[in-house]
Protein backbone atom coordinates (compact mmCIF):
# COMPACT_ATOMS: atom_id res chain seq x y z
CA MET A 1 100.86 121.09 129.20
CA ARG A 2 101.84 118.09 127.04
CA GLN A 3 105.25 116.36 128.06
CA ARG A 4 107.68 114.48 125.98
CA HIS A 5 109.93 111.99 127.07
CA SER A 6 112.18 109.56 124.91
CA PHE A 7 114.57 106.57 125.94
CA HIS A 8 116.88 104.70 123.93
CA LEU A 9 119.39 101.78 123.80
CA ASP A 10 121.08 99.83 121.51
CA ARG A 11 120.94 96.31 122.30
CA GLY A 12 121.78 92.96 120.50
CA GLY A 13 122.30 94.70 117.06
CA ARG A 14 119.01 96.62 117.34
CA SER A 15 117.65 100.08 118.21
CA VAL A 16 115.10 100.18 120.76
CA THR A 17 113.41 103.67 121.30
CA VAL A 18 110.40 104.37 124.04
CA ASN A 19 108.36 107.62 123.35
CA VAL A 20 105.99 109.08 125.87
CA ARG A 21 103.78 111.96 125.10
CA SER A 22 101.48 112.96 128.19
CA GLY A 23 98.63 115.66 128.90
CA TRP A 24 95.17 115.10 128.57
CA ILE A 25 95.91 111.78 126.70
CA THR A 26 99.01 109.73 127.35
CA GLU A 27 100.47 107.57 124.58
CA THR A 28 103.57 105.44 125.05
CA GLU A 29 105.23 103.78 121.99
CA VAL A 30 108.06 101.12 121.50
CA LEU A 31 110.00 101.30 118.48
CA VAL A 32 112.66 98.59 117.29
CA ASP A 33 114.76 99.88 114.55
CA GLY A 34 112.27 102.51 113.98
CA LYS A 35 109.30 100.10 113.69
CA GLU A 36 106.28 100.55 116.13
CA VAL A 37 106.43 97.03 117.99
CA ALA A 38 104.10 98.22 121.09
CA PHE A 39 101.68 101.00 121.94
CA HIS A 40 99.92 102.10 124.84
CA ARG A 41 97.20 105.10 125.06
CA VAL A 42 95.25 106.19 128.37
CA HIS A 43 93.28 109.22 129.26
CA GLY A 44 94.99 111.62 131.74
CA HIS A 45 98.66 111.41 132.66
CA GLY A 46 99.32 107.66 132.59
CA VAL A 47 99.29 104.97 135.10
CA TYR A 48 102.69 103.86 136.45
CA PRO A 49 104.37 101.34 136.71
CA LEU A 50 103.57 100.60 133.06
CA ALA A 51 104.76 97.26 131.48
CA LEU A 52 104.86 96.86 127.68
CA ALA A 53 105.70 93.42 126.07
CA ALA A 54 107.30 93.43 122.65
CA GLU A 55 109.84 91.39 120.45
CA LEU A 56 113.23 92.00 118.86
CA PRO A 57 113.57 90.42 115.49
CA GLY A 58 115.31 87.13 115.44
CA PRO A 59 117.45 85.94 112.50
CA PRO A 60 115.94 85.51 109.22
CA GLU A 61 114.85 81.97 109.98
CA GLY A 62 114.33 81.93 113.65
CA PRO A 63 112.16 83.20 116.26
CA GLY A 64 112.15 86.85 117.83
CA ARG A 65 113.49 87.64 121.34
CA PRO A 66 110.67 88.67 123.81
CA VAL A 67 111.68 91.97 125.68
CA ALA A 68 109.49 94.03 128.14
CA VAL A 69 110.03 97.92 128.77
CA ARG A 70 108.85 99.12 132.02
CA LEU A 71 108.25 102.69 133.17
CA GLU A 72 108.04 104.03 136.46
CA ARG A 73 107.70 107.44 138.22
CA THR A 74 110.78 108.54 139.84
CA GLY A 75 109.08 111.07 142.51
CA VAL A 76 112.08 113.87 140.95
CA ALA A 77 110.90 116.64 139.04
CA GLU A 78 114.44 116.76 136.90
CA ARG A 79 113.70 113.21 135.72
CA PRO A 80 109.95 112.21 136.40
CA LEU A 81 110.24 108.89 134.55
CA ASP A 82 112.74 105.98 134.56
CA CYS A 83 112.56 103.47 131.94
CA THR A 84 114.18 99.84 131.73
CA LEU A 85 114.50 97.24 129.04
CA GLU A 86 114.21 93.45 130.19
CA LEU A 87 115.77 91.20 127.59
CA GLY A 88 117.26 87.64 128.39
CA GLY A 89 116.65 87.76 132.08
CA ALA A 90 118.87 91.00 132.30
CA VAL A 91 117.42 94.49 132.98
CA HIS A 92 119.06 97.33 131.00
CA PRO A 93 118.62 101.18 131.91
CA MET A 94 117.31 103.20 129.16
CA GLU A 95 118.92 106.51 128.81
CA GLU A 96 116.56 109.67 128.47
CA ARG A 97 117.21 111.70 125.35
CA THR A 98 116.82 115.27 125.66
CA GLU A 99 115.38 117.59 122.88
CA ARG A 100 117.60 120.50 122.01
């Protein structure tokens, strides 16, 4: 059975979303302002912890800001994955969105 998880955080004027689709193949994507900036695919239910590096766009004439997204198993059936965003030395928990 395929499972889906989606995490979201607005930080530094940017929208960051992490989508995980697991099953026979597990795909993880990181979106910044709706554009894919990192992607990971593996056969099976995923290998955790998983860290993906990405970059938040900077000002028009400046460099982007590096970020890291980390996913870990929680061991809790109600919330099997935990997602955090690391930006500028700070760790920000990302809230899981629930599908309705």
